[in-house]
Amino acid sequence: MSTITATHLPSHRPVRRPAQPGSVRLTHRGRVVVVVLAVLLVLAVGFFFASGSVATDEPGTPEPTRVVQVGAGDTLWDIAADLADDGDVRAMIDRIEELNALDSGMVTAGQKLVVPAS
């Protein structure tokens, strides 16, 4: 005949030690609150430092511009090529698109464009 011996298996629960005088024990909810408050504090400090104005007290001088009207058969490339003194037509196209808030290089006859006055 065989014998079975039952041994005491350790519990899966952590052993609770008595709190030392002056120590604070946080519950799960308390730890979550502390983490959320720390994240909010970091965000508040970040917004405080990021909200500094980069503007100056002195007004800037606007770039001199003029208005041209797109003729029949004109393209943005043609207009930019006429204006680009240094031969960099792509840079001039980018500048014209920026000045006029254009989404693309499409222009229509009769459209008025603001271009650099160089």
PDB file of N, CA and C in Angstrom:
ATOM      1  N   MET A   1       0.825  -1.154   0.000  1.00  0.00           N
ATOM      2  CA  MET A   1       0.000   0.000   0.000  1.00  0.00           C
ATOM      3  C   MET A   1       0.885   1.239   0.000  1.00  0.00           C
ATOM      4  N   SER A   2       0.442   2.303  -0.649  1.00  0.00           N
ATOM      5  CA  SER A   2       1.258   3.518  -0.717  1.00  0.00           C
ATOM      6  C   SER A   2       0.665   4.590   0.177  1.00  0.00           C
ATOM      7  N   THR A   3       1.513   5.486   0.546  1.00  0.00           N
ATOM      8  CA  THR A   3       1.094   6.560   1.440  1.00  0.00           C
ATOM      9  C   THR A   3       1.205   7.904   0.729  1.00  0.00           C
ATOM     10  N   ILE A   4       0.259   8.755   0.976  1.00  0.00           N
ATOM     11  CA  ILE A   4       0.278  10.118   0.421  1.00  0.00           C
ATOM     12  C   ILE A   4       0.460  11.073   1.586  1.00  0.00           C
ATOM     13  N   THR A   5       1.437  11.932   1.390  1.00  0.00           N
ATOM     14  CA  THR A   5       1.698  12.902   2.445  1.00  0.00           C
ATOM     15  C   THR A   5       1.246  14.276   1.967  1.00  0.00           C
ATOM     16  N   ALA A   6       0.458  14.954   2.739  1.00  0.00           N
ATOM     17  CA  ALA A   6       0.001  16.313   2.408  1.00  0.00           C
ATOM     18  C   ALA A   6       0.940  17.301   3.077  1.00  0.00           C
ATOM     19  N   THR A   7       1.496  18.150   2.262  1.00  0.00           N
ATOM     20  CA  THR A   7       2.360  19.191   2.823  1.00  0.00           C
ATOM     21  C   THR A   7       1.663  20.527   2.694  1.00  0.00           C
ATOM     22  N   HIS A   8       2.048  21.437   3.511  1.00  0.00           N
ATOM     23  CA  HIS A   8       1.458  22.764   3.495  1.00  0.00           C
ATOM     24  C   HIS A   8       2.037  23.537   2.318  1.00  0.00           C
ATOM     25  N   LEU A   9       1.167  23.925   1.382  1.00  0.00           N
ATOM     26  CA  LEU A   9       1.598  24.711   0.227  1.00  0.00           C
ATOM     27  C   LEU A   9       1.546  26.199   0.581  1.00  0.00           C
ATOM     28  N   PRO A  10       2.539  26.959   0.116  1.00  0.00           N
ATOM     29  CA  PRO A  10       2.518  28.388   0.453  1.00  0.00           C
ATOM     30  C   PRO A  10       1.359  29.097  -0.232  1.00  0.00           C
ATOM     31  N   SER A  11       0.842  30.070   0.420  1.00  0.00           N
ATOM     32  CA  SER A  11      -0.269  30.858  -0.110  1.00  0.00           C
ATOM     33  C   SER A  11       0.246  31.780  -1.215  1.00  0.00           C
ATOM     34  N   HIS A  12      -0.607  32.092  -2.170  1.00  0.00           N
ATOM     35  CA  HIS A  12      -0.229  33.002  -3.247  1.00  0.00           C
ATOM     36  C   HIS A  12      -0.387  34.461  -2.849  1.00  0.00           C
ATOM     37  N   ARG A  13      -0.961  34.676  -1.718  1.00  0.00           N
ATOM     38  CA  ARG A  13      -1.106  36.045  -1.252  1.00  0.00           C
ATOM     39  C   ARG A  13       0.199  36.512  -0.621  1.00  0.00           C
ATOM     40  N   PRO A  14       0.555  37.797  -0.846  1.00  0.00           N
ATOM     41  CA  PRO A  14       1.800  38.284  -0.250  1.00  0.00           C
ATOM     42  C   PRO A  14       1.696  38.334   1.270  1.00  0.00           C
ATOM     43  N   VAL A  15       2.802  38.175   1.870  1.00  0.00           N
ATOM     44  CA  VAL A  15       2.860  38.223   3.329  1.00  0.00           C
ATOM     45  C   VAL A  15       2.793  39.684   3.738  1.00  0.00           C
ATOM     46  N   ARG A  16       1.859  39.969   4.603  1.00  0.00           N
ATOM     47  CA  ARG A  16       1.714  41.354   5.051  1.00  0.00           C
ATOM     48  C   ARG A  16       2.581  41.563   6.278  1.00  0.00           C
ATOM     49  N   ARG A  17       3.425  42.537   6.140  1.00  0.00           N
ATOM     50  CA  ARG A  17       4.287  42.882   7.269  1.00  0.00           C
ATOM     51  C   ARG A  17       3.639  44.018   8.033  1.00  0.00           C
ATOM     52  N   PRO A  18       3.819  44.086   9.284  1.00  0.00           N
ATOM     53  CA  PRO A  18       3.233  45.203  10.041  1.00  0.00           C
ATOM     54  C   PRO A  18       3.890  46.515   9.618  1.00  0.00           C
ATOM     55  N   ALA A  19       3.075  47.533   9.512  1.00  0.00           N
ATOM     56  CA  ALA A  19       3.574  48.843   9.086  1.00  0.00           C
ATOM     57  C   ALA A  19       4.513  49.394  10.141  1.00  0.00           C
ATOM     58  N   GLN A  20       5.578  49.986   9.651  1.00  0.00           N
ATOM     59  CA  GLN A  20       6.527  50.605  10.562  1.00  0.00           C
ATOM     60  C   GLN A  20       5.980  51.968  10.968  1.00  0.00           C
ATOM     61  N   PRO A  21       6.308  52.414  12.146  1.00  0.00           N
ATOM     62  CA  PRO A  21       5.803  53.722  12.590  1.00  0.00           C
ATOM     63  C   PRO A  21       6.286  54.825  11.643  1.00  0.00           C
ATOM     64  N   GLY A  22       5.360  55.697  11.243  1.00  0.00           N
ATOM     65  CA  GLY A  22       5.699  56.816  10.375  1.00  0.00           C
ATOM     66  C   GLY A  22       5.682  56.485   8.894  1.00  0.00           C
ATOM     67  N   SER A  23       5.393  55.247   8.496  1.00  0.00           N
ATOM     68  CA  SER A  23       5.381  54.903   7.075  1.00  0.00           C
ATOM     69  C   SER A  23       3.954  54.983   6.543  1.00  0.00           C
ATOM     70  N   VAL A  24       3.851  55.176   5.242  1.00  0.00           N
ATOM     71  CA  VAL A  24       2.543  55.288   4.597  1.00  0.00           C
ATOM     72  C   VAL A  24       2.428  54.155   3.589  1.00  0.00           C
ATOM     73  N   ARG A  25       1.315  53.470   3.618  1.00  0.00           N
ATOM     74  CA  ARG A  25       1.071  52.411   2.647  1.00  0.00           C
ATOM     75  C   ARG A  25      -0.073  52.862   1.760  1.00  0.00           C
ATOM     76  N   LEU A  26       0.131  52.763   0.444  1.00  0.00           N
ATOM     77  CA  LEU A  26      -0.897  53.179  -0.491  1.00  0.00           C
ATOM     78  C   LEU A  26      -1.637  51.976  -1.045  1.00  0.00           C
ATOM     79  N   THR A  27      -2.915  52.155  -1.195  1.00  0.00           N
ATOM     80  CA  THR A  27      -3.710  51.124  -1.851  1.00  0.00           C
ATOM     81  C   THR A  27      -3.504  51.260  -3.356  1.00  0.00           C
ATOM     82  N   HIS A  28      -4.085  50.357  -4.106  1.00  0.00           N
ATOM     83  CA  HIS A  28      -3.981  50.421  -5.569  1.00  0.00           C
ATOM     84  C   HIS A  28      -4.565  51.738  -6.070  1.00  0.00           C
ATOM     85  N   ARG A  29      -5.722  52.130  -5.531  1.00  0.00           N
ATOM     86  CA  ARG A  29      -6.343  53.387  -5.927  1.00  0.00           C
ATOM     87  C   ARG A  29      -5.455  54.570  -5.571  1.00  0.00           C
ATOM     88  N   GLY A  30      -4.814  54.519  -4.435  1.00  0.00           N
ATOM     89  CA  GLY A  30      -3.906  55.587  -4.033  1.00  0.00           C
ATOM     90  C   GLY A  30      -2.715  55.710  -4.968  1.00  0.00           C
ATOM     91  N   ARG A  31      -2.156  54.575  -5.395  1.00  0.00           N
ATOM     92  CA  ARG A  31      -1.043  54.613  -6.348  1.00  0.00           C
ATOM     93  C   ARG A  31      -1.476  55.204  -7.681  1.00  0.00           C
ATOM     94  N   VAL A  32      -2.681  54.856  -8.138  1.00  0.00           N
ATOM     95  CA  VAL A  32      -3.202  55.418  -9.397  1.00  0.00           C
ATOM     96  C   VAL A  32      -3.359  56.927  -9.269  1.00  0.00           C
ATOM     97  N   VAL A  33      -3.887  57.391  -8.160  1.00  0.00           N
ATOM     98  CA  VAL A  33      -4.057  58.833  -7.946  1.00  0.00           C
ATOM     99  C   VAL A  33      -2.703  59.535  -7.951  1.00  0.00           C
ATOM    100  N   VAL A  34      -1.714  58.961  -7.309  1.00  0.00           N
ATOM    101  CA  VAL A  34      -0.384  59.569  -7.270  1.00  0.00           C
ATOM    102  C   VAL A  34       0.214  59.643  -8.679  1.00  0.00           C
ATOM    103  N   VAL A  35       0.069  58.592  -9.467  1.00  0.00           N
ATOM    104  CA  VAL A  35       0.598  58.588 -10.837  1.00  0.00           C
ATOM    105  C   VAL A  35      -0.119  59.630 -11.684  1.00  0.00           C
ATOM    106  N   VAL A  36      -1.447  59.711 -11.590  1.00  0.00           N
ATOM    107  CA  VAL A  36      -2.205  60.694 -12.373  1.00  0.00           C
ATOM    108  C   VAL A  36      -1.805  62.108 -11.974  1.00  0.00           C
ATOM    109  N   LEU A  37      -1.652  62.368 -10.704  1.00  0.00           N
ATOM    110  CA  LEU A  37      -1.227  63.702 -10.260  1.00  0.00           C
ATOM    111  C   LEU A  37       0.176  64.035 -10.754  1.00  0.00           C
ATOM    112  N   ALA A  38       1.067  63.059 -10.778  1.00  0.00           N
ATOM    113  CA  ALA A  38       2.422  63.293 -11.277  1.00  0.00           C
ATOM    114  C   ALA A  38       2.399  63.610 -12.768  1.00  0.00           C
ATOM    115  N   VAL A  39       1.593  62.896 -13.534  1.00  0.00           N
ATOM    116  CA  VAL A  39       1.492  63.167 -14.972  1.00  0.00           C
ATOM    117  C   VAL A  39       0.916  64.559 -15.201  1.00  0.00           C
ATOM    118  N   LEU A  40      -0.117  64.929 -14.463  1.00  0.00           N
ATOM    119  CA  LEU A  40      -0.699  66.271 -14.599  1.00  0.00           C
ATOM    120  C   LEU A  40       0.312  67.356 -14.240  1.00  0.00           C
ATOM    121  N   LEU A  41       1.119  67.116 -13.228  1.00  0.00           N
ATOM    122  CA  LEU A  41       2.138  68.079 -12.846  1.00  0.00           C
ATOM    123  C   LEU A  41       3.178  68.246 -13.950  1.00  0.00           C
ATOM    124  N   VAL A  42       3.603  67.143 -14.538  1.00  0.00           N
ATOM    125  CA  VAL A  42       4.573  67.216 -15.636  1.00  0.00           C
ATOM    126  C   VAL A  42       3.982  67.966 -16.829  1.00  0.00           C
ATOM    127  N   LEU A  43       2.719  67.694 -17.164  1.00  0.00           N
ATOM    128  CA  LEU A  43       2.069  68.402 -18.263  1.00  0.00           C
ATOM    129  C   LEU A  43       1.942  69.898 -17.978  1.00  0.00           C
ATOM    130  N   ALA A  44       1.579  70.246 -16.755  1.00  0.00           N
ATOM    131  CA  ALA A  44       1.437  71.655 -16.390  1.00  0.00           C
ATOM    132  C   ALA A  44       2.772  72.379 -16.498  1.00  0.00           C
ATOM    133  N   VAL A  45       3.835  71.754 -16.038  1.00  0.00           N
ATOM    134  CA  VAL A  45       5.164  72.365 -16.149  1.00  0.00           C
ATOM    135  C   VAL A  45       5.558  72.504 -17.617  1.00  0.00           C
ATOM    136  N   GLY A  46       5.253  71.496 -18.431  1.00  0.00           N
ATOM    137  CA  GLY A  46       5.553  71.567 -19.863  1.00  0.00           C
ATOM    138  C   GLY A  46       4.806  72.691 -20.545  1.00  0.00           C
ATOM    139  N   PHE A  47       3.519  72.842 -20.252  1.00  0.00           N
ATOM    140  CA  PHE A  47       2.744  73.943 -20.839  1.00  0.00           C
ATOM    141  C   PHE A  47       3.267  75.293 -20.367  1.00  0.00           C
ATOM    142  N   PHE A  48       3.679  75.381 -19.126  1.00  0.00           N
ATOM    143  CA  PHE A  48       4.193  76.641 -18.602  1.00  0.00           C
ATOM    144  C   PHE A  48       5.442  77.074 -19.368  1.00  0.00           C
ATOM    145  N   PHE A  49       6.367  76.154 -19.578  1.00  0.00           N
ATOM    146  CA  PHE A  49       7.602  76.506 -20.273  1.00  0.00           C
ATOM    147  C   PHE A  49       7.399  76.652 -21.779  1.00  0.00           C
ATOM    148  N   ALA A  50       6.431  75.932 -22.345  1.00  0.00           N
ATOM    149  CA  ALA A  50       6.199  76.004 -23.790  1.00  0.00           C
ATOM    150  C   ALA A  50       5.364  77.203 -24.185  1.00  0.00           C
ATOM    151  N   SER A  51       4.696  77.838 -23.245  1.00  0.00           N
ATOM    152  CA  SER A  51       3.802  78.935 -23.587  1.00  0.00           C
ATOM    153  C   SER A  51       4.514  80.271 -23.702  1.00  0.00           C
ATOM    154  N   GLY A  52       5.814  80.297 -23.508  1.00  0.00           N
ATOM    155  CA  GLY A  52       6.549  81.550 -23.644  1.00  0.00           C
ATOM    156  C   GLY A  52       6.477  82.059 -25.065  1.00  0.00           C
ATOM    157  N   SER A  53       6.241  83.334 -25.209  1.00  0.00           N
ATOM    158  CA  SER A  53       6.095  83.930 -26.531  1.00  0.00           C
ATOM    159  C   SER A  53       7.445  84.066 -27.203  1.00  0.00           C
ATOM    160  N   VAL A  54       7.477  83.796 -28.488  1.00  0.00           N
ATOM    161  CA  VAL A  54       8.706  83.966 -29.249  1.00  0.00           C
ATOM    162  C   VAL A  54       8.662  85.263 -30.048  1.00  0.00           C
ATOM    163  N   ALA A  55       7.616  86.033 -29.874  1.00  0.00           N
ATOM    164  CA  ALA A  55       7.479  87.298 -30.588  1.00  0.00           C
ATOM    165  C   ALA A  55       8.398  88.352 -29.975  1.00  0.00           C
ATOM    166  N   THR A  56       8.742  89.335 -30.783  1.00  0.00           N
ATOM    167  CA  THR A  56       9.554  90.445 -30.294  1.00  0.00           C
ATOM    168  C   THR A  56       8.695  91.699 -30.212  1.00  0.00           C
ATOM    169  N   ASP A  57       9.230  92.716 -29.550  1.00  0.00           N
ATOM    170  CA  ASP A  57       8.508  93.980 -29.430  1.00  0.00           C
ATOM    171  C   ASP A  57       8.578  94.806 -30.708  1.00  0.00           C
ATOM    172  N   GLU A  58       9.550  94.515 -31.548  1.00  0.00           N
ATOM    173  CA  GLU A  58       9.721  95.311 -32.754  1.00  0.00           C
ATOM    174  C   GLU A  58       8.983  94.674 -33.926  1.00  0.00           C
ATOM    175  N   PRO A  59       8.252  95.493 -34.694  1.00  0.00           N
ATOM    176  CA  PRO A  59       7.533  94.921 -35.823  1.00  0.00           C
ATOM    177  C   PRO A  59       8.501  94.519 -36.934  1.00  0.00           C
ATOM    178  N   GLY A  60       8.154  93.475 -37.631  1.00  0.00           N
ATOM    179  CA  GLY A  60       8.969  93.038 -38.755  1.00  0.00           C
ATOM    180  C   GLY A  60       8.623  93.827 -39.998  1.00  0.00           C
ATOM    181  N   THR A  61       9.492  93.743 -40.966  1.00  0.00           N
ATOM    182  CA  THR A  61       9.210  94.423 -42.232  1.00  0.00           C
ATOM    183  C   THR A  61       8.668  93.384 -43.208  1.00  0.00           C
ATOM    184  N   PRO A  62       7.492  93.632 -43.750  1.00  0.00           N
ATOM    185  CA  PRO A  62       6.924  92.659 -44.667  1.00  0.00           C
ATOM    186  C   PRO A  62       7.724  92.601 -45.965  1.00  0.00           C
ATOM    187  N   GLU A  63       7.694  91.445 -46.581  1.00  0.00           N
ATOM    188  CA  GLU A  63       8.380  91.263 -47.849  1.00  0.00           C
ATOM    189  C   GLU A  63       7.660  92.086 -48.916  1.00  0.00           C
ATOM    190  N   PRO A  64       8.412  92.830 -49.714  1.00  0.00           N
ATOM    191  CA  PRO A  64       7.746  93.604 -50.768  1.00  0.00           C
ATOM    192  C   PRO A  64       7.131  92.663 -51.815  1.00  0.00           C
ATOM    193  N   THR A  65       5.872  92.907 -52.115  1.00  0.00           N
ATOM    194  CA  THR A  65       5.156  92.052 -53.071  1.00  0.00           C
ATOM    195  C   THR A  65       4.420  92.918 -54.080  1.00  0.00           C
ATOM    196  N   ARG A  66       3.971  92.268 -55.126  1.00  0.00           N
ATOM    197  CA  ARG A  66       3.102  92.908 -56.100  1.00  0.00           C
ATOM    198  C   ARG A  66       2.094  91.870 -56.569  1.00  0.00           C
ATOM    199  N   VAL A  67       1.076  92.331 -57.272  1.00  0.00           N
ATOM    200  CA  VAL A  67       0.021  91.442 -57.737  1.00  0.00           C
ATOM    201  C   VAL A  67       0.140  91.280 -59.246  1.00  0.00           C
ATOM    202  N   VAL A  68       0.088  90.045 -59.696  1.00  0.00           N
ATOM    203  CA  VAL A  68       0.060  89.762 -61.132  1.00  0.00           C
ATOM    204  C   VAL A  68      -1.211  88.992 -61.443  1.00  0.00           C
ATOM    205  N   GLN A  69      -1.705  89.180 -62.650  1.00  0.00           N
ATOM    206  CA  GLN A  69      -2.898  88.465 -63.078  1.00  0.00           C
ATOM    207  C   GLN A  69      -2.479  87.381 -64.055  1.00  0.00           C
ATOM    208  N   VAL A  70      -3.001  86.182 -63.828  1.00  0.00           N
ATOM    209  CA  VAL A  70      -2.677  85.040 -64.669  1.00  0.00           C
ATOM    210  C   VAL A  70      -3.365  85.218 -66.013  1.00  0.00           C
ATOM    211  N   GLY A  71      -2.582  85.126 -67.077  1.00  0.00           N
ATOM    212  CA  GLY A  71      -3.137  85.253 -68.424  1.00  0.00           C
ATOM    213  C   GLY A  71      -3.542  83.900 -68.973  1.00  0.00           C
ATOM    214  N   ALA A  72      -4.189  83.919 -70.117  1.00  0.00           N
ATOM    215  CA  ALA A  72      -4.619  82.679 -70.760  1.00  0.00           C
ATOM    216  C   ALA A  72      -3.377  81.883 -71.163  1.00  0.00           C
ATOM    217  N   GLY A  73      -3.321  80.634 -70.790  1.00  0.00           N
ATOM    218  CA  GLY A  73      -2.196  79.766 -71.127  1.00  0.00           C
ATOM    219  C   GLY A  73      -1.016  79.872 -70.174  1.00  0.00           C
ATOM    220  N   ASP A  74      -1.076  80.780 -69.203  1.00  0.00           N
ATOM    221  CA  ASP A  74       0.017  80.906 -68.228  1.00  0.00           C
ATOM    222  C   ASP A  74      -0.035  79.755 -67.234  1.00  0.00           C
ATOM    223  N   THR A  75       1.132  79.330 -66.804  1.00  0.00           N
ATOM    224  CA  THR A  75       1.236  78.340 -65.742  1.00  0.00           C
ATOM    225  C   THR A  75       2.012  78.961 -64.595  1.00  0.00           C
ATOM    226  N   LEU A  76       1.937  78.326 -63.457  1.00  0.00           N
ATOM    227  CA  LEU A  76       2.695  78.816 -62.303  1.00  0.00           C
ATOM    228  C   LEU A  76       4.190  78.749 -62.593  1.00  0.00           C
ATOM    229  N   TRP A  77       4.609  77.753 -63.355  1.00  0.00           N
ATOM    230  CA  TRP A  77       6.017  77.631 -63.729  1.00  0.00           C
ATOM    231  C   TRP A  77       6.446  78.828 -64.572  1.00  0.00           C
ATOM    232  N   ASP A  78       5.616  79.248 -65.536  1.00  0.00           N
ATOM    233  CA  ASP A  78       5.950  80.398 -66.381  1.00  0.00           C
ATOM    234  C   ASP A  78       6.094  81.670 -65.546  1.00  0.00           C
ATOM    235  N   ILE A  79       5.161  81.877 -64.648  1.00  0.00           N
ATOM    236  CA  ILE A  79       5.194  83.080 -63.809  1.00  0.00           C
ATOM    237  C   ILE A  79       6.426  83.052 -62.913  1.00  0.00           C
ATOM    238  N   ALA A  80       6.709  81.911 -62.307  1.00  0.00           N
ATOM    239  CA  ALA A  80       7.870  81.787 -61.426  1.00  0.00           C
ATOM    240  C   ALA A  80       9.167  81.936 -62.206  1.00  0.00           C
ATOM    241  N   ALA A  81       9.224  81.409 -63.422  1.00  0.00           N
ATOM    242  CA  ALA A  81      10.442  81.531 -64.236  1.00  0.00           C
ATOM    243  C   ALA A  81      10.723  82.980 -64.575  1.00  0.00           C
ATOM    244  N   ASP A  82       9.684  83.777 -64.815  1.00  0.00           N
ATOM    245  CA  ASP A  82       9.879  85.208 -65.098  1.00  0.00           C
ATOM    246  C   ASP A  82      10.393  85.954 -63.871  1.00  0.00           C
ATOM    247  N   LEU A  83      10.027  85.494 -62.688  1.00  0.00           N
ATOM    248  CA  LEU A  83      10.384  86.191 -61.445  1.00  0.00           C
ATOM    249  C   LEU A  83      11.695  85.709 -60.836  1.00  0.00           C
ATOM    250  N   ALA A  84      12.111  84.501 -61.118  1.00  0.00           N
ATOM    251  CA  ALA A  84      13.283  83.911 -60.468  1.00  0.00           C
ATOM    252  C   ALA A  84      14.555  84.499 -61.082  1.00  0.00           C
ATOM    253  N   ASP A  85      15.192  85.420 -60.346  1.00  0.00           N
ATOM    254  CA  ASP A  85      16.424  86.056 -60.827  1.00  0.00           C
ATOM    255  C   ASP A  85      17.595  85.083 -60.790  1.00  0.00           C
ATOM    256  N   ASP A  86      17.614  84.215 -59.775  1.00  0.00           N
ATOM    257  CA  ASP A  86      18.745  83.301 -59.613  1.00  0.00           C
ATOM    258  C   ASP A  86      18.556  81.997 -60.379  1.00  0.00           C
ATOM    259  N   GLY A  87      17.450  81.856 -61.091  1.00  0.00           N
ATOM    260  CA  GLY A  87      17.213  80.657 -61.876  1.00  0.00           C
ATOM    261  C   GLY A  87      16.596  79.516 -61.087  1.00  0.00           C
ATOM    262  N   ASP A  88      16.336  79.702 -59.795  1.00  0.00           N
ATOM    263  CA  ASP A  88      15.743  78.650 -58.967  1.00  0.00           C
ATOM    264  C   ASP A  88      14.219  78.757 -59.047  1.00  0.00           C
ATOM    265  N   VAL A  89      13.661  78.175 -60.107  1.00  0.00           N
ATOM    266  CA  VAL A  89      12.229  78.305 -60.369  1.00  0.00           C
ATOM    267  C   VAL A  89      11.415  77.569 -59.311  1.00  0.00           C
ATOM    268  N   ARG A  90      11.873  76.404 -58.873  1.00  0.00           N
ATOM    269  CA  ARG A  90      11.115  75.634 -57.868  1.00  0.00           C
ATOM    270  C   ARG A  90      10.974  76.409 -56.558  1.00  0.00           C
ATOM    271  N   ALA A  91      12.031  77.078 -56.134  1.00  0.00           N
ATOM    272  CA  ALA A  91      11.963  77.867 -54.898  1.00  0.00           C
ATOM    273  C   ALA A  91      10.970  79.019 -55.060  1.00  0.00           C
ATOM    274  N   MET A  92      10.941  79.620 -56.246  1.00  0.00           N
ATOM    275  CA  MET A  92       9.997  80.716 -56.486  1.00  0.00           C
ATOM    276  C   MET A  92       8.562  80.185 -56.505  1.00  0.00           C
ATOM    277  N   ILE A  93       8.347  79.005 -57.074  1.00  0.00           N
ATOM    278  CA  ILE A  93       7.003  78.401 -57.055  1.00  0.00           C
ATOM    279  C   ILE A  93       6.564  78.161 -55.615  1.00  0.00           C
ATOM    280  N   ASP A  94       7.449  77.618 -54.806  1.00  0.00           N
ATOM    281  CA  ASP A  94       7.127  77.381 -53.388  1.00  0.00           C
ATOM    282  C   ASP A  94       6.766  78.684 -52.688  1.00  0.00           C
ATOM    283  N   ARG A  95       7.516  79.752 -52.997  1.00  0.00           N
ATOM    284  CA  ARG A  95       7.262  81.050 -52.355  1.00  0.00           C
ATOM    285  C   ARG A  95       5.907  81.614 -52.787  1.00  0.00           C
ATOM    286  N   ILE A  96       5.592  81.503 -54.071  1.00  0.00           N
ATOM    287  CA  ILE A  96       4.300  81.996 -54.567  1.00  0.00           C
ATOM    288  C   ILE A  96       3.155  81.185 -53.958  1.00  0.00           C
ATOM    289  N   GLU A  97       3.324  79.868 -53.874  1.00  0.00           N
ATOM    290  CA  GLU A  97       2.289  79.032 -53.247  1.00  0.00           C
ATOM    291  C   GLU A  97       2.096  79.416 -51.789  1.00  0.00           C
ATOM    292  N   GLU A  98       3.188  79.736 -51.093  1.00  0.00           N
ATOM    293  CA  GLU A  98       3.097  80.132 -49.682  1.00  0.00           C
ATOM    294  C   GLU A  98       2.411  81.482 -49.528  1.00  0.00           C
ATOM    295  N   LEU A  99       2.772  82.444 -50.381  1.00  0.00           N
ATOM    296  CA  LEU A  99       2.169  83.783 -50.291  1.00  0.00           C
ATOM    297  C   LEU A  99       0.673  83.758 -50.582  1.00  0.00           C
ATOM    298  N   ASN A 100       0.237  82.844 -51.432  1.00  0.00           N
ATOM    299  CA  ASN A 100      -1.163  82.810 -51.854  1.00  0.00           C
ATOM    300  C   ASN A 100      -1.949  81.661 -51.231  1.00  0.00           C
ATOM    301  N   ALA A 101      -1.323  80.906 -50.351  1.00  0.00           N
ATOM    302  CA  ALA A 101      -1.966  79.769 -49.680  1.00  0.00           C
ATOM    303  C   ALA A 101      -2.571  78.809 -50.700  1.00  0.00           C
ATOM    304  N   LEU A 102      -1.782  78.484 -51.724  1.00  0.00           N
ATOM    305  CA  LEU A 102      -2.238  77.564 -52.759  1.00  0.00           C
ATOM    306  C   LEU A 102      -1.970  76.131 -52.325  1.00  0.00           C
ATOM    307  N   ASP A 103      -2.929  75.256 -52.592  1.00  0.00           N
ATOM    308  CA  ASP A 103      -2.759  73.838 -52.275  1.00  0.00           C
ATOM    309  C   ASP A 103      -1.985  73.116 -53.367  1.00  0.00           C
ATOM    310  N   SER A 104      -2.050  73.647 -54.573  1.00  0.00           N
ATOM    311  CA  SER A 104      -1.363  73.012 -55.691  1.00  0.00           C
ATOM    312  C   SER A 104      -0.859  74.094 -56.639  1.00  0.00           C
ATOM    313  N   GLY A 105      -0.228  73.674 -57.710  1.00  0.00           N
ATOM    314  CA  GLY A 105       0.295  74.609 -58.691  1.00  0.00           C
ATOM    315  C   GLY A 105      -0.711  74.990 -59.759  1.00  0.00           C
ATOM    316  N   MET A 106      -1.965  74.648 -59.568  1.00  0.00           N
ATOM    317  CA  MET A 106      -3.001  74.960 -60.549  1.00  0.00           C
ATOM    318  C   MET A 106      -3.414  76.422 -60.429  1.00  0.00           C
ATOM    319  N   VAL A 107      -3.367  77.132 -61.561  1.00  0.00           N
ATOM    320  CA  VAL A 107      -3.838  78.515 -61.624  1.00  0.00           C
ATOM    321  C   VAL A 107      -4.793  78.627 -62.802  1.00  0.00           C
ATOM    322  N   THR A 108      -5.688  79.605 -62.730  1.00  0.00           N
ATOM    323  CA  THR A 108      -6.658  79.808 -63.808  1.00  0.00           C
ATOM    324  C   THR A 108      -6.494  81.206 -64.378  1.00  0.00           C
ATOM    325  N   ALA A 109      -6.860  81.351 -65.631  1.00  0.00           N
ATOM    326  CA  ALA A 109      -6.778  82.652 -66.297  1.00  0.00           C
ATOM    327  C   ALA A 109      -7.640  83.660 -65.550  1.00  0.00           C
ATOM    328  N   GLY A 110      -7.084  84.831 -65.317  1.00  0.00           N
ATOM    329  CA  GLY A 110      -7.797  85.882 -64.581  1.00  0.00           C
ATOM    330  C   GLY A 110      -7.542  85.870 -63.089  1.00  0.00           C
ATOM    331  N   GLN A 111      -6.930  84.830 -62.573  1.00  0.00           N
ATOM    332  CA  GLN A 111      -6.623  84.728 -61.143  1.00  0.00           C
ATOM    333  C   GLN A 111      -5.526  85.729 -60.794  1.00  0.00           C
ATOM    334  N   LYS A 112      -5.671  86.388 -59.666  1.00  0.00           N
ATOM    335  CA  LYS A 112      -4.657  87.347 -59.219  1.00  0.00           C
ATOM    336  C   LYS A 112      -3.779  86.674 -58.172  1.00  0.00           C
ATOM    337  N   LEU A 113      -2.473  86.794 -58.364  1.00  0.00           N
ATOM    338  CA  LEU A 113      -1.514  86.187 -57.457  1.00  0.00           C
ATOM    339  C   LEU A 113      -0.609  87.250 -56.863  1.00  0.00           C
ATOM    340  N   VAL A 114      -0.312  87.090 -55.577  1.00  0.00           N
ATOM    341  CA  VAL A 114       0.678  87.936 -54.918  1.00  0.00           C
ATOM    342  C   VAL A 114       2.028  87.272 -55.137  1.00  0.00           C
ATOM    343  N   VAL A 115       2.978  88.043 -55.671  1.00  0.00           N
ATOM    344  CA  VAL A 115       4.310  87.510 -55.955  1.00  0.00           C
ATOM    345  C   VAL A 115       5.366  88.434 -55.360  1.00  0.00           C
ATOM    346  N   PRO A 116       6.562  87.920 -55.087  1.00  0.00           N
ATOM    347  CA  PRO A 116       7.624  88.799 -54.588  1.00  0.00           C
ATOM    348  C   PRO A 116       7.927  89.895 -55.611  1.00  0.00           C
ATOM    349  N   ALA A 117       8.234  91.089 -55.130  1.00  0.00           N
ATOM    350  CA  ALA A 117       8.429  92.244 -56.007  1.00  0.00           C
ATOM    351  C   ALA A 117       9.850  92.388 -56.514  1.00  0.00           C
ATOM    352  N   SER A 118      10.653  91.365 -56.403  1.00  0.00           N
ATOM    353  CA  SER A 118      12.042  91.504 -56.843  1.00  0.00           C
ATOM    354  C   SER A 118      12.044  91.671 -58.284  1.00  0.00           C
TER     355      SER A 118
END
